[in-house]
Amino acid sequence: MANKPIDMNKLKQIIQLKQQGHGSKRISSISGVSRNVVKHYLKRLAELNIHTVDLLKLNAEDLQQLFQPFKHKQLPDPARHLRLEILLPSLDKQLRKRGMTLEKVYSTYIQKDPMGYSRTQFYKYVREYRQCMTGISMHIDHKPGDKMYVDYTGEKMSIIDPETGEETKVEVFVAILGFSQLTYVEASMNQSLYGFVECCKNALEYFGGTPALVVPDNLKSAITQSSKYEAVINEVFAGFAEHYNTNVLPARPYKPKDKSLVEGAVKLVYQRVFTETDQKVFFTLEQLNKAIKVALNEHNNAPLRKAESRREVFENDEKSVLTPLPILPYSPSYVKQYKVTKMGHIPLYEDKKYYSVPYHLIGKRVKVTYNATWVRIYYTDKVVAEHQRCYTRATYITNKEHLASNHRFITEWNPEFFITKGNELDIDVGVFLEKLMQSKGHPEQGYKACSGILNLGRRVGKERIKNACSKAYNLGIFTYHIVEELLKKGIEKDDPHEDLTIRATPSHKNVRGKAYYTKSETNLNNK
């Protein structure tokens, strides 16, 4: 290749021939290197002023470093190259923007500089510049079925509330298989732990199998504590990995090259998915994900440089290597810490429900684990309560065994309970209690009154409480107070038709009487 630096072995041969006293013409003839190039290297040799014996002891890398300043490359058009060099920093900055490609950058460049480089040369110089800026990278060979890289895009998509017009930003999850580069994309409301696990589960279902490793960035959703050597994985995410028979290998902190593949996938998602959705309006997450799926299929089915698409490479070489998915999908166990309320329950705020805990743990902090079907409560690593997860309208889910004896008694209150207890005293008492509860807007409003009447019955005996309830029933007054008054005054056996509420006003000197008010009214009219 023209203008390419010669091999270091050739350079050592030139140095040896010079040491032996040969001229440039003879050295060129023996080494096969052009005479002009030999002259340039000999000139550099003279500038170094290092004995040839010492030079020949150096390895190829050190020798290259010494002769690196030598540049035999001659640019055919220095002015054109200078114009490009001035632009390179800004071009590099443009290429870092979402959805930007070399093709787009070149179109802008050639419009501004029609005498600029051709597309191939332009790409070459830009890539050389960017490689110098980013440093040396090691190529990673990916094995089929080995790794799935996961991350979120920096940019967000949005959905619009059709009623208010309010825009809500949503996260975009990206997963890519290392070997075939088959990609999965999904929009989610946030980067919460459970949203992240759900996206990972959907990605595995999209791929139809499980790779040996899942490589996340140091997301809080995946990693409890990041570390260069041994990160602490969130126990929910670890449970997900165990369920799908895979392992988690977090990328090292501040080492973006560990996940360069998914970083590249994010850039492609900007170009091929975001550009398809940016100009459209979506009202729900489901609508947005349907549009993403269409653009994603086009991306995965587009041919690569090797003529095969990502989908074809996956189907031919990687799909069969993935571990089959388990029969049941993963249902994550959520873990939270709560303090038991004074009512002996812990809250599950996302369902607006309260689950009971043994009453002796009131005020204690407990660990709650739950999934779609059950709720378990732990205290000092022991299960102290377990409930079926409730999706009905009930707010409190209570196990009677968890309640104190007095509370347990109250939970048994219902109309049948009081009627049965009343019938045990006498049938008239049961009938009266039933009427009392029916007279209320809701039977529960009469429970305390019924409980009070039953307490009166235990104190005064069956005969008296029967008579009091019968008399109150005949009077058509269904309250606790009428029964109490009848018993207190000992008149529960009197004529039931006697009016207990209207009695003659007793004579008293402080009672003004009707004449006083009649007189006062006359005086006011005269005025």
Protein backbone atom coordinates (compact mmCIF):
# COMPACT_ATOMS: atom_id res chain seq x y z
CA MET A 1 0.00 0.00 0.00
CA ALA A 2 1.35 3.44 -0.96
CA ASN A 3 2.73 5.70 1.80
CA LYS A 4 2.49 2.91 4.37
CA PRO A 5 5.31 2.76 6.98
CA ILE A 6 7.72 -0.09 6.30
CA ASP A 7 7.89 -3.20 8.47
CA MET A 8 10.21 -2.88 11.50
CA ASN A 9 12.22 -5.91 10.34
CA LYS A 10 12.95 -4.04 7.11
CA LEU A 11 13.97 -1.04 9.18
CA LYS A 12 16.41 -3.17 11.19
CA GLN A 13 17.85 -4.46 7.89
CA ILE A 14 18.37 -0.87 6.71
CA ILE A 15 20.11 -0.02 10.00
CA GLN A 16 22.39 -3.08 9.72
CA LEU A 17 23.30 -2.28 6.09
CA LYS A 18 24.07 1.31 7.08
CA GLN A 19 26.27 0.02 9.91
CA GLN A 20 28.15 -2.09 7.33
CA GLY A 21 28.88 1.07 5.35
CA HIS A 22 26.50 0.67 2.42
CA GLY A 23 25.00 3.72 0.69
CA SER A 24 21.36 4.43 0.10
CA LYS A 25 21.38 3.04 -3.45
CA ARG A 26 22.91 -0.27 -2.33
CA ILE A 27 20.60 -0.49 0.70
CA SER A 28 17.56 0.10 -1.54
CA SER A 29 18.71 -2.65 -3.91
CA ILE A 30 19.25 -5.21 -1.12
CA SER A 31 16.18 -4.40 1.03
CA GLY A 32 13.74 -3.80 -1.79
CA VAL A 33 12.69 -0.46 -0.28
CA SER A 34 12.59 2.55 -2.58
CA ARG A 35 15.65 4.80 -2.47
CA ASN A 36 13.69 7.89 -1.39
CA VAL A 37 12.15 6.07 1.57
CA VAL A 38 15.59 4.71 2.55
CA LYS A 39 16.96 8.27 2.46
CA HIS A 40 14.19 9.48 4.77
CA TYR A 41 14.82 6.70 7.30
CA LEU A 42 18.58 7.29 7.19
CA LYS A 43 17.92 10.97 7.82
CA ARG A 44 15.81 10.08 10.86
CA LEU A 45 18.56 7.70 12.01
CA ALA A 46 21.06 10.53 11.91
CA GLU A 47 18.66 12.80 13.87
CA LEU A 48 18.28 10.23 16.65
CA ASN A 49 22.07 10.10 17.16
CA ILE A 50 21.81 6.62 18.75
CA HIS A 51 24.42 3.94 18.18
CA THR A 52 23.17 1.31 15.72
CA VAL A 53 24.08 -1.53 18.13
CA ASP A 54 21.68 -0.09 20.71
CA LEU A 55 18.98 0.40 18.12
CA LEU A 56 19.19 -3.21 16.95
CA LYS A 57 18.65 -4.41 20.57
CA LEU A 58 15.20 -2.70 20.68
CA ASN A 59 12.04 -4.65 20.02
CA ALA A 60 9.76 -3.77 17.11
CA GLU A 61 7.36 -1.70 19.25
CA ASP A 62 10.08 0.49 20.79
CA LEU A 63 11.73 0.90 17.43
CA GLN A 64 8.47 2.03 15.91
CA GLN A 65 8.04 4.62 18.67
CA LEU A 66 11.43 6.12 17.83
CA PHE A 67 10.73 6.35 14.13
CA GLN A 68 7.08 7.37 14.49
CA PRO A 69 7.80 11.09 13.95
CA PHE A 70 9.02 10.14 10.49
CA LYS A 71 6.19 10.83 8.07
CA HIS A 72 6.71 9.92 4.50
CA LYS A 73 3.04 10.43 3.65
CA GLN A 74 2.51 13.23 1.21
CA LEU A 75 -0.99 14.66 0.93
CA PRO A 76 -1.96 15.37 -2.66
CA ASP A 77 -4.08 18.38 -1.58
CA PRO A 78 -2.96 19.82 1.81
CA ALA A 79 -5.54 22.66 1.65
CA ARG A 80 -8.46 20.23 1.30
CA HIS A 81 -7.19 18.13 4.18
CA LEU A 82 -6.70 21.22 6.33
CA ARG A 83 -10.33 22.26 5.73
CA LEU A 84 -11.47 18.82 6.89
CA GLU A 85 -9.19 18.82 9.94
CA ILE A 86 -10.76 22.08 11.09
CA LEU A 87 -14.22 20.49 10.85
CA LEU A 88 -13.38 17.17 12.55
CA PRO A 89 -14.18 18.23 16.18
CA SER A 90 -17.60 19.58 15.18
CA LEU A 91 -18.29 16.51 13.00
CA ASP A 92 -17.47 14.25 15.95
CA LYS A 93 -19.87 16.26 18.12
CA GLN A 94 -22.64 15.92 15.51
CA LEU A 95 -22.17 12.16 15.34
CA ARG A 96 -22.81 11.92 19.08
CA LYS A 97 -26.34 13.28 18.62
CA ARG A 98 -29.35 11.01 18.54
CA GLY A 99 -30.03 9.44 15.13
CA MET A 100 -27.03 11.06 13.39
CA THR A 101 -25.06 8.96 10.88
CA LEU A 102 -21.91 9.38 8.79
CA GLU A 103 -24.10 9.49 5.70
CA LYS A 104 -26.03 12.51 6.98
CA VAL A 105 -22.85 14.26 8.12
CA TYR A 106 -21.20 13.68 4.74
CA SER A 107 -24.19 15.11 2.85
CA THR A 108 -23.90 18.34 4.85
CA TYR A 109 -20.09 18.40 4.42
CA ILE A 110 -20.07 17.98 0.64
CA GLN A 111 -22.75 20.65 0.20
CA LYS A 112 -20.60 23.17 2.05
CA ASP A 113 -17.35 22.01 0.42
CA PRO A 114 -18.08 20.67 -3.11
CA MET A 115 -14.30 20.25 -3.67
CA GLY A 116 -14.02 18.12 -0.51
CA TYR A 117 -13.17 14.44 -0.17
CA SER A 118 -15.14 11.60 -1.67
CA ARG A 119 -17.42 9.59 0.59
CA THR A 120 -14.87 6.78 1.15
CA GLN A 121 -11.99 9.11 2.05
CA PHE A 122 -14.26 11.23 4.22
CA TYR A 123 -15.41 8.17 6.20
CA LYS A 124 -11.79 7.04 6.57
CA TYR A 125 -10.50 10.32 8.00
CA VAL A 126 -13.48 10.82 10.32
CA ARG A 127 -13.17 7.29 11.71
CA GLU A 128 -9.41 7.69 12.22
CA TYR A 129 -10.02 10.92 14.12
CA ARG A 130 -12.74 9.39 16.33
CA GLN A 131 -10.58 6.34 17.05
CA CYS A 132 -7.73 8.59 18.18
CA MET A 133 -10.15 10.48 20.43
CA THR A 134 -11.59 7.36 22.06
CA GLY A 135 -8.38 5.34 22.35
CA ILE A 136 -7.60 1.74 21.52
CA SER A 137 -10.40 -0.82 21.87
CA MET A 138 -10.30 -4.57 22.07
CA HIS A 139 -12.56 -6.56 19.78
CA ILE A 140 -14.91 -8.91 21.62
CA ASP A 141 -15.99 -12.14 19.97
CA HIS A 142 -19.53 -13.04 20.97
CA LYS A 143 -20.60 -16.65 21.22
CA PRO A 144 -24.11 -17.82 20.25
CA GLY A 145 -26.47 -17.84 23.22
CA ASP A 146 -23.86 -16.31 25.53
CA LYS A 147 -25.01 -12.81 26.55
CA MET A 148 -28.02 -10.51 26.45
CA TYR A 149 -27.16 -6.84 27.05
CA VAL A 150 -29.87 -4.60 28.55
CA ASP A 151 -30.12 -0.85 29.08
CA TYR A 152 -32.41 2.17 28.77
CA THR A 153 -32.07 4.88 26.14
CA GLY A 154 -31.09 8.35 27.28
CA GLU A 155 -33.87 9.96 25.24
CA LYS A 156 -37.49 9.28 26.15
CA MET A 157 -40.69 8.83 24.18
CA SER A 158 -44.04 10.30 25.21
CA ILE A 159 -47.76 9.60 25.38
CA ILE A 160 -50.54 12.19 25.47
CA ASP A 161 -53.59 12.25 27.75
CA PRO A 162 -56.53 12.57 25.29
CA GLU A 163 -58.64 14.51 27.81
CA THR A 164 -56.15 17.02 29.20
CA GLY A 165 -53.50 17.02 26.45
CA GLU A 166 -50.83 16.50 29.11
CA GLU A 167 -47.62 14.89 27.84
CA THR A 168 -46.07 12.07 29.86
CA LYS A 169 -42.49 11.00 29.20
CA VAL A 170 -41.88 7.25 29.16
CA GLU A 171 -38.69 5.19 29.34
CA VAL A 172 -37.42 3.03 26.46
CA PHE A 173 -35.87 -0.35 27.31
CA VAL A 174 -33.41 -2.01 24.91
CA ALA A 175 -32.10 -5.61 24.94
CA ILE A 176 -29.72 -7.14 22.38
CA LEU A 177 -28.22 -10.60 21.93
CA GLY A 178 -24.44 -10.45 21.57
CA PHE A 179 -23.98 -12.89 18.70
CA SER A 180 -26.87 -12.26 16.30
CA GLN A 181 -27.53 -8.68 17.50
CA LEU A 182 -31.26 -9.41 17.46
CA THR A 183 -32.80 -6.46 19.30
CA TYR A 184 -35.84 -5.97 21.52
CA VAL A 185 -37.34 -2.56 22.38
CA GLU A 186 -40.20 -1.70 24.76
CA ALA A 187 -41.60 1.51 26.24
CA SER A 188 -42.41 1.49 29.97
CA MET A 189 -43.68 4.08 32.42
CA ASN A 190 -40.50 4.18 34.52
CA GLN A 191 -37.24 2.44 35.42
CA SER A 192 -38.59 0.91 38.62
CA LEU A 193 -37.34 -2.48 39.74
CA TYR A 194 -40.53 -4.29 38.81
CA GLY A 195 -40.88 -2.46 35.47
CA PHE A 196 -37.28 -3.39 34.63
CA VAL A 197 -37.81 -7.06 35.52
CA GLU A 198 -41.01 -7.13 33.46
CA CYS A 199 -39.15 -5.70 30.43
CA CYS A 200 -36.39 -8.31 30.80
CA LYS A 201 -39.02 -11.06 30.99
CA ASN A 202 -40.72 -9.73 27.83
CA ALA A 203 -37.35 -9.63 26.05
CA LEU A 204 -36.68 -13.31 26.81
CA GLU A 205 -40.15 -14.20 25.58
CA TYR A 206 -39.49 -12.21 22.39
CA PHE A 207 -36.23 -14.13 21.83
CA GLY A 208 -37.92 -17.41 22.71
CA GLY A 209 -35.13 -18.56 25.02
CA THR A 210 -32.61 -17.58 27.69
CA PRO A 211 -28.90 -16.75 27.18
CA ALA A 212 -26.21 -17.82 29.64
CA LEU A 213 -25.70 -14.27 30.97
CA VAL A 214 -27.68 -11.05 31.30
CA VAL A 215 -25.46 -7.95 31.26
CA PRO A 216 -27.14 -4.85 32.75
CA ASP A 217 -25.66 -1.45 33.29
CA ASN A 218 -25.33 -0.39 36.93
CA LEU A 219 -29.02 0.47 37.13
CA LYS A 220 -30.52 0.83 40.60
CA SER A 221 -33.26 -1.49 39.37
CA ALA A 222 -30.72 -4.31 38.89
CA ILE A 223 -27.78 -3.56 41.19
CA THR A 224 -28.11 -2.78 44.88
CA GLN A 225 -24.44 -1.83 45.24
CA SER A 226 -22.11 -1.38 42.28
CA SER A 227 -18.50 -2.52 42.45
CA LYS A 228 -15.57 -2.87 40.10
CA TYR A 229 -14.99 -6.41 41.31
CA GLU A 230 -18.21 -7.86 42.78
CA ALA A 231 -21.49 -5.98 42.52
CA VAL A 232 -24.45 -6.77 44.82
CA ILE A 233 -27.44 -7.82 42.70
CA ASN A 234 -30.95 -6.87 43.74
CA GLU A 235 -32.66 -9.93 45.24
CA VAL A 236 -35.75 -9.53 43.03
CA PHE A 237 -33.61 -9.42 39.88
CA ALA A 238 -31.56 -12.34 41.21
CA GLY A 239 -34.82 -14.26 41.64
CA PHE A 240 -35.69 -13.47 38.03
CA ALA A 241 -32.31 -14.82 36.85
CA GLU A 242 -32.75 -17.99 38.91
CA HIS A 243 -36.23 -18.60 37.52
CA TYR A 244 -34.95 -18.39 33.93
CA ASN A 245 -31.79 -20.41 34.66
CA THR A 246 -29.41 -17.61 33.73
CA ASN A 247 -26.85 -15.43 35.53
CA VAL A 248 -26.27 -11.72 35.95
CA LEU A 249 -22.94 -10.11 35.00
CA PRO A 250 -23.14 -6.34 35.64
CA ALA A 251 -20.99 -4.06 33.51
CA ARG A 252 -18.16 -2.43 35.45
CA PRO A 253 -18.82 1.12 36.67
CA TYR A 254 -17.52 3.81 34.32
CA LYS A 255 -16.57 1.19 31.70
CA PRO A 256 -18.93 1.87 28.78
CA LYS A 257 -16.97 -0.52 26.53
CA ASP A 258 -18.24 -3.42 28.66
CA LYS A 259 -21.65 -2.74 27.14
CA SER A 260 -20.61 -1.15 23.85
CA LEU A 261 -22.91 -3.49 21.94
CA VAL A 262 -26.06 -2.22 23.64
CA GLU A 263 -24.76 1.36 23.36
CA GLY A 264 -24.54 0.80 19.61
CA ALA A 265 -28.00 -0.76 19.64
CA VAL A 266 -29.35 2.36 21.37
CA LYS A 267 -27.95 4.51 18.55
CA LEU A 268 -29.64 2.29 15.98
CA VAL A 269 -32.89 2.49 17.94
CA TYR A 270 -32.67 6.28 17.72
CA GLN A 271 -32.22 6.04 13.95
CA ARG A 272 -34.76 3.35 13.12
CA VAL A 273 -37.37 3.38 15.88
CA PHE A 274 -37.46 6.90 17.33
CA THR A 275 -37.53 8.46 13.86
CA GLU A 276 -40.61 6.36 13.05
CA THR A 277 -42.50 7.41 16.19
CA ASP A 278 -41.38 11.02 16.69
CA GLN A 279 -43.94 12.47 14.29
CA LYS A 280 -46.88 10.44 15.62
CA VAL A 281 -49.13 10.92 18.64
CA PHE A 282 -49.89 8.06 21.02
CA PHE A 283 -52.50 8.12 23.75
CA THR A 284 -51.61 4.88 25.55
CA LEU A 285 -48.52 2.83 26.24
CA GLU A 286 -50.09 -0.07 24.31
CA GLN A 287 -50.43 2.06 21.16
CA LEU A 288 -46.83 3.21 21.45
CA ASN A 289 -45.48 -0.33 21.88
CA LYS A 290 -47.43 -1.54 18.84
CA ALA A 291 -45.75 1.13 16.72
CA ILE A 292 -42.36 0.25 18.23
CA LYS A 293 -42.89 -3.41 17.33
CA VAL A 294 -43.50 -2.56 13.66
CA ALA A 295 -40.31 -0.46 13.41
CA LEU A 296 -38.38 -3.06 15.40
CA ASN A 297 -39.33 -5.88 13.03
CA GLU A 298 -38.11 -3.82 10.08
CA HIS A 299 -34.83 -3.21 11.89
CA ASN A 300 -34.28 -6.88 12.77
CA ASN A 301 -35.20 -8.03 9.25
CA ALA A 302 -32.99 -5.46 7.46
CA PRO A 303 -29.93 -7.10 5.80
CA LEU A 304 -26.50 -6.61 7.37
CA ARG A 305 -23.25 -6.24 5.47
CA LYS A 306 -22.98 -10.01 5.32
CA ALA A 307 -26.32 -10.04 3.44
CA GLU A 308 -28.02 -11.95 6.30
CA SER A 309 -30.35 -10.01 8.58
CA ARG A 310 -30.19 -10.13 12.38
CA ARG A 311 -33.29 -12.29 12.37
CA GLU A 312 -31.73 -14.77 9.93
CA VAL A 313 -28.48 -15.02 11.91
CA PHE A 314 -30.53 -15.58 15.06
CA GLU A 315 -32.75 -18.26 13.52
CA ASN A 316 -29.85 -20.09 11.86
CA ASP A 317 -27.11 -19.96 14.50
CA GLU A 318 -28.33 -18.75 17.89
CA LYS A 319 -31.92 -19.70 18.62
CA SER A 320 -31.16 -23.40 19.07
CA VAL A 321 -28.41 -22.61 21.62
CA LEU A 322 -30.66 -20.60 23.98
CA THR A 323 -31.97 -22.34 27.10
CA PRO A 324 -35.71 -23.09 26.75
CA LEU A 325 -38.05 -20.85 28.71
CA PRO A 326 -39.72 -22.29 31.85
CA ILE A 327 -43.35 -23.41 31.55
CA LEU A 328 -44.62 -20.63 33.83
CA PRO A 329 -43.47 -17.04 33.33
CA TYR A 330 -41.71 -15.26 36.16
CA SER A 331 -43.95 -13.63 38.73
CA PRO A 332 -41.61 -11.46 40.79
CA SER A 333 -41.85 -11.41 44.56
CA TYR A 334 -41.86 -7.82 45.70
CA VAL A 335 -40.12 -7.02 48.98
CA LYS A 336 -41.00 -4.10 51.24
CA GLN A 337 -40.62 -3.08 54.88
CA TYR A 338 -43.64 -1.88 56.87
CA LYS A 339 -44.56 -0.98 60.43
CA VAL A 340 -47.65 -2.83 61.72
CA THR A 341 -50.46 -0.33 62.34
CA LYS A 342 -52.37 -0.01 65.61
CA MET A 343 -55.20 -1.94 63.99
CA GLY A 344 -52.89 -4.91 63.49
CA HIS A 345 -52.55 -4.64 59.69
CA ILE A 346 -49.87 -3.71 57.16
CA PRO A 347 -50.71 -1.60 54.09
CA LEU A 348 -50.25 -2.64 50.48
CA TYR A 349 -50.56 0.78 48.96
CA GLU A 350 -50.55 -0.21 45.29
CA ASP A 351 -53.77 -2.23 45.87
CA LYS A 352 -55.15 0.06 48.58
CA LYS A 353 -55.52 -2.98 50.82
CA TYR A 354 -54.58 -3.86 54.42
CA TYR A 355 -53.52 -7.37 55.48
CA SER A 356 -53.69 -8.59 59.08
CA VAL A 357 -50.69 -9.48 61.25
CA PRO A 358 -50.75 -11.19 64.70
CA TYR A 359 -51.77 -8.52 67.21
CA HIS A 360 -48.65 -8.93 69.39
CA LEU A 361 -46.58 -7.46 66.50
CA ILE A 362 -48.42 -4.11 66.54
CA GLY A 363 -45.80 -1.35 66.25
CA LYS A 364 -43.08 -3.74 65.02
CA ARG A 365 -41.35 -3.49 61.62
CA VAL A 366 -41.96 -6.50 59.39
CA LYS A 367 -40.79 -7.61 55.94
CA VAL A 368 -43.52 -8.14 53.36
CA THR A 369 -43.01 -10.23 50.23
CA TYR A 370 -45.78 -10.55 47.66
CA ASN A 371 -46.49 -11.45 44.06
CA ALA A 372 -49.60 -11.69 41.92
CA THR A 373 -51.19 -14.45 44.01
CA TRP A 374 -49.98 -14.27 47.63
CA VAL A 375 -48.75 -11.99 50.42
CA ARG A 376 -46.30 -13.25 53.07
CA ILE A 377 -45.25 -11.32 56.18
CA TYR A 378 -41.98 -12.03 57.99
CA TYR A 379 -40.74 -11.05 61.43
CA THR A 380 -37.13 -11.95 62.33
CA ASP A 381 -36.98 -14.12 59.16
CA LYS A 382 -39.99 -16.22 60.21
CA VAL A 383 -43.33 -16.26 58.36
CA VAL A 384 -45.91 -14.84 60.77
CA ALA A 385 -48.79 -14.36 58.32
CA GLU A 386 -49.78 -15.46 54.84
CA HIS A 387 -52.73 -14.26 52.74
CA GLN A 388 -54.10 -14.79 49.27
CA ARG A 389 -53.64 -11.51 47.41
CA CYS A 390 -57.03 -9.81 47.24
CA TYR A 391 -58.36 -7.89 44.22
CA THR A 392 -61.95 -7.42 45.46
CA ARG A 393 -63.41 -4.20 46.84
CA ALA A 394 -62.62 -5.23 50.41
CA THR A 395 -60.14 -2.90 52.09
CA TYR A 396 -59.17 -5.01 55.10
CA ILE A 397 -58.22 -8.67 54.69
CA THR A 398 -58.26 -10.15 58.18
CA ASN A 399 -57.42 -13.53 59.63
CA LYS A 400 -59.43 -13.84 62.89
CA GLU A 401 -56.58 -15.77 64.51
CA HIS A 402 -54.44 -12.62 64.27
CA LEU A 403 -56.78 -10.51 66.41
CA ALA A 404 -56.87 -9.98 70.16
CA SER A 405 -59.82 -11.73 71.87
CA ASN A 406 -61.93 -8.55 72.13
CA HIS A 407 -61.25 -7.60 68.51
CA ARG A 408 -61.96 -11.15 67.36
CA PHE A 409 -65.41 -10.94 68.99
CA ILE A 410 -66.23 -7.73 67.12
CA THR A 411 -65.32 -9.18 63.73
CA GLU A 412 -68.04 -11.81 64.20
CA TRP A 413 -70.79 -9.18 64.44
CA ASN A 414 -73.49 -9.43 61.78
CA PRO A 415 -77.34 -9.40 61.83
CA GLU A 416 -77.58 -13.18 62.15
CA PHE A 417 -75.20 -13.14 65.11
CA PHE A 418 -77.37 -10.71 67.13
CA ILE A 419 -80.67 -12.35 66.19
CA THR A 420 -79.30 -15.74 67.28
CA LYS A 421 -78.01 -14.31 70.57
CA GLY A 422 -81.37 -12.58 71.16
CA ASN A 423 -83.33 -15.80 70.48
CA GLU A 424 -81.21 -17.53 73.10
CA LEU A 425 -82.75 -15.15 75.67
CA ASP A 426 -86.24 -15.18 74.17
CA ILE A 427 -87.86 -15.13 70.75
CA ASP A 428 -89.29 -11.64 71.50
CA VAL A 429 -85.78 -10.33 72.15
CA GLY A 430 -84.55 -11.72 68.80
CA VAL A 431 -87.49 -10.14 66.95
CA PHE A 432 -86.87 -6.76 68.65
CA LEU A 433 -83.16 -6.80 67.76
CA GLU A 434 -83.99 -7.62 64.13
CA LYS A 435 -86.42 -4.66 64.01
CA LEU A 436 -83.83 -2.41 65.62
CA MET A 437 -81.27 -3.19 62.90
CA GLN A 438 -83.88 -2.80 60.16
CA SER A 439 -84.75 0.67 61.45
CA LYS A 440 -81.20 1.89 60.75
CA GLY A 441 -79.86 3.07 57.40
CA HIS A 442 -77.39 0.18 57.58
CA PRO A 443 -77.59 -2.83 59.93
CA GLU A 444 -74.07 -2.14 61.18
CA GLN A 445 -75.32 1.11 62.73
CA GLY A 446 -77.41 -0.98 65.13
CA TYR A 447 -74.70 -3.44 66.21
CA LYS A 448 -73.62 -1.50 69.29
CA ALA A 449 -77.22 -0.97 70.40
CA CYS A 450 -77.93 -4.71 70.03
CA SER A 451 -74.77 -5.51 71.98
CA GLY A 452 -75.95 -3.15 74.74
CA ILE A 453 -79.40 -4.79 74.95
CA LEU A 454 -77.81 -8.25 75.21
CA ASN A 455 -75.61 -6.95 78.04
CA LEU A 456 -78.76 -5.66 79.80
CA GLY A 457 -80.30 -9.11 79.41
CA ARG A 458 -77.33 -10.74 81.11
CA ARG A 459 -77.69 -8.33 84.01
CA VAL A 460 -81.47 -8.34 84.56
CA GLY A 461 -82.35 -11.86 83.41
CA LYS A 462 -84.37 -13.36 80.60
CA GLU A 463 -87.82 -12.50 81.94
CA ARG A 464 -87.28 -8.77 82.41
CA ILE A 465 -85.40 -8.26 79.11
CA LYS A 466 -88.17 -10.17 77.30
CA ASN A 467 -90.87 -7.92 78.84
CA ALA A 468 -88.90 -4.72 78.10
CA CYS A 469 -88.35 -5.67 74.45
CA SER A 470 -92.01 -6.67 74.04
CA LYS A 471 -93.23 -3.36 75.50
CA ALA A 472 -90.81 -1.33 73.36
CA TYR A 473 -91.90 -3.35 70.27
CA ASN A 474 -95.58 -2.54 71.00
CA LEU A 475 -94.70 1.13 71.39
CA GLY A 476 -92.94 1.01 68.04
CA ILE A 477 -89.72 2.45 69.49
CA PHE A 478 -86.64 0.44 68.48
CA THR A 479 -83.73 1.89 70.44
CA TYR A 480 -81.40 0.82 73.21
CA HIS A 481 -82.44 3.78 75.37
CA ILE A 482 -86.16 2.84 75.52
CA VAL A 483 -85.27 -0.65 76.75
CA GLU A 484 -82.85 0.80 79.29
CA GLU A 485 -85.45 3.31 80.55
CA LEU A 486 -88.12 0.65 80.94
CA LEU A 487 -85.78 -1.53 82.98
CA LYS A 488 -84.40 1.35 85.02
CA LYS A 489 -87.89 2.50 86.08
CA GLY A 490 -89.21 -1.03 86.52
CA ILE A 491 -92.20 -0.40 84.25
CA GLU A 492 -91.51 -3.01 81.62
CA LYS A 493 -94.66 -4.91 82.80
CA ASP A 494 -97.01 -1.87 82.63
CA ASP A 495 -99.60 -1.21 79.91
CA PRO A 496 -97.63 -1.22 76.71
CA HIS A 497 -99.89 1.50 75.26
CA GLU A 498 -98.99 4.01 78.00
CA ASP A 499 -97.28 7.07 76.53
CA LEU A 500 -93.89 7.21 78.16
CA THR A 501 -92.81 10.37 76.43
CA ILE A 502 -95.72 12.76 77.36
CA ARG A 503 -96.08 13.48 81.04
CA ALA A 504 -97.67 16.45 82.90
CA THR A 505 -95.31 19.30 83.63
CA PRO A 506 -94.80 19.55 87.42
CA SER A 507 -95.97 22.75 89.20
CA HIS A 508 -93.14 25.13 90.08
CA LYS A 509 -92.88 28.83 90.93
CA ASN A 510 -90.28 29.39 88.20
CA VAL A 511 -92.59 28.10 85.47
CA ARG A 512 -94.08 31.17 83.78
CA GLY A 513 -97.07 29.50 82.19
CA LYS A 514 -99.18 30.34 79.11
CA ALA A 515 -100.45 33.69 80.49
CA TYR A 516 -96.94 35.13 80.59
CA TYR A 517 -96.39 34.61 76.87
CA THR A 518 -99.91 35.81 75.97
CA LYS A 519 -99.30 39.03 77.90
CA SER A 520 -95.94 39.60 76.30
CA GLU A 521 -97.39 39.13 72.81
CA THR A 522 -100.16 41.76 73.54
CA ASN A 523 -97.63 44.34 74.69
CA LEU A 524 -95.60 43.88 71.51
CA ASN A 525 -98.68 44.41 69.31
CA ASN A 526 -99.62 47.64 71.14
CA LYS A 527 -96.16 49.02 70.44
